[in-house]
Structure formats: C-alpha cells, structure tokens
Protein backbone atom coordinates (compact mmCIF):
# COMPACT_ATOMS: atom_id res chain seq x y z
CA MET A 1 -6.70 -27.08 -23.26
CA ARG A 2 -3.70 -24.25 -23.18
CA ARG A 3 -3.98 -23.25 -26.03
CA PHE A 4 -7.80 -23.15 -25.44
CA LEU A 5 -7.48 -20.95 -23.15
CA TYR A 6 -5.15 -18.83 -24.97
CA GLN A 7 -7.46 -18.16 -27.64
CA ASN A 8 -11.14 -18.13 -26.02
CA VAL A 9 -10.13 -16.66 -22.58
CA TYR A 10 -6.44 -14.84 -22.25
CA TYR A 11 -6.26 -13.06 -25.28
CA HIS A 12 -10.07 -12.68 -26.14
CA PRO A 13 -10.53 -9.48 -28.00
CA ARG A 14 -12.71 -8.25 -24.67
CA VAL A 15 -10.24 -9.13 -22.28
CA ALA A 16 -7.80 -7.58 -24.47
CA GLU A 17 -9.66 -4.03 -24.21
CA VAL A 18 -10.28 -4.46 -20.04
CA ASN A 19 -6.84 -5.09 -19.62
CA GLU A 20 -5.77 -1.95 -22.03
CA ARG A 21 -8.26 0.55 -20.15
CA ALA A 22 -7.04 -0.73 -16.93
CA CYS A 23 -3.20 0.29 -17.99
CA GLU A 24 -4.69 3.47 -19.00
CA MET A 25 -6.26 3.87 -15.94
CA LEU A 26 -3.39 3.09 -14.07
CA ARG A 27 -1.13 5.32 -15.93
CA LYS A 28 -4.04 8.31 -15.43
CA VAL A 29 -3.70 7.93 -11.80
CA PHE A 30 0.37 7.73 -11.95
CA GLU A 31 0.71 10.78 -13.74
CA ALA A 32 -1.57 12.54 -11.46
CA TYR A 33 -0.09 11.91 -8.24
CA VAL A 34 3.55 12.75 -9.84
CA ILE A 35 1.94 15.75 -10.71
CA ASP A 36 0.60 16.80 -7.52
CA PRO A 37 2.34 14.22 -4.67
CA ASP A 38 0.52 16.28 -1.80
CA ARG A 39 -2.69 14.15 -3.06
CA LEU A 40 -0.98 11.04 -1.56
CA ASP A 41 -1.82 10.07 2.25
CA GLU A 42 0.82 11.41 4.60
CA ALA A 43 2.42 7.92 5.13
CA ALA A 44 3.19 8.17 1.14
CA THR A 45 4.24 11.44 1.57
CA LYS A 46 6.81 11.16 3.89
CA ARG A 47 8.39 8.11 1.79
CA ILE A 48 9.16 10.71 -0.96
CA GLU A 49 12.49 11.90 -0.23
CA LYS A 50 13.88 8.07 1.27
CA GLU A 51 12.72 6.46 -1.87
CA GLY A 52 12.07 8.75 -4.19
CA LEU A 53 8.57 10.50 -5.88
CA HIS A 54 8.28 7.28 -8.70
CA ARG A 55 8.90 4.51 -6.86
CA THR A 56 6.50 5.89 -3.79
CA VAL A 57 3.56 6.49 -6.35
CA CYS A 58 3.93 3.07 -7.67
CA ASP A 59 3.86 1.88 -4.15
CA TYR A 60 0.81 3.39 -3.26
CA ILE A 61 -0.55 2.61 -6.70
CA ALA A 62 0.23 -1.24 -6.36
CA GLY A 63 -1.25 -1.53 -2.44
CA MET A 64 -4.62 -0.28 -4.11
CA THR A 65 -7.39 -2.28 -4.67
CA ASP A 66 -9.17 -2.66 -7.60
CA ARG A 67 -12.05 -0.58 -6.34
CA TYR A 68 -10.32 1.63 -4.47
CA LEU A 69 -8.16 2.45 -8.31
CA LEU A 70 -11.60 2.89 -9.69
CA ASP A 71 -12.86 5.68 -7.50
CA GLU A 72 -9.94 7.36 -7.24
CA HIS A 73 -9.40 7.88 -11.07
CA ALA A 74 -13.23 9.07 -11.02
CA ARG A 75 -12.50 11.37 -8.65
CA LEU A 76 -8.89 12.53 -10.25
CA SER A 77 -10.94 12.93 -13.10
CA GLU A 78 -13.50 15.11 -11.92
CA PHE A 79 -11.44 16.81 -8.97
CA GLY A 80 -7.81 16.80 -9.43
CA PRO A 81 -5.41 17.85 -12.34
CA LYS A 82 -6.95 17.54 -15.79
CA ILE A 83 -6.03 13.68 -16.58
CA HIS A 84 -5.81 13.55 -20.13
CA TYR A 85 -7.48 11.18 -22.66
C-alpha cells in the first residue's frame, strides 16, 4: 500500500507539478516582501527590527492560508514590484 501511494499519489507527475508551482509562488511572494517590506501588515513590520526581515517574512507567509497566498501572489504580480517568472 505504501509503495502504491508514493508512486500513484505523492510522487505522481501532476502532484509534483502542483507542488512545484506552489513552491515558486511562495518564493515569489517571499521575494516581493523582502524587496518591499512595507507591503507587510503593521504587526509584522514592527517585528522586523527585533526578529530580522527574513524571519519576519517567513513567519508572515507561514501564517497564510492557501487562498490568501493565491490572492496575495496575484495582487503582488499585478500591482507590486515585478515578480520575475
């Protein structure tokens, strides 16, 4: 059963493609926030000095729902600093 799941579900090419796109999206949103930290909310912005920019951005993204990440990626791609593909 375990082998079947790994071959047909976890590592299926379509699943791998979705995972790749999700990782790329996370990377692009991370990059956009590091380039322009003012895009973070006020609470996150206040933590930058104490925790550092990269840690703050990581924590901020970790708290996002999937839907919020998708929406934020679309928003940043459309209006923000150009996210390079």
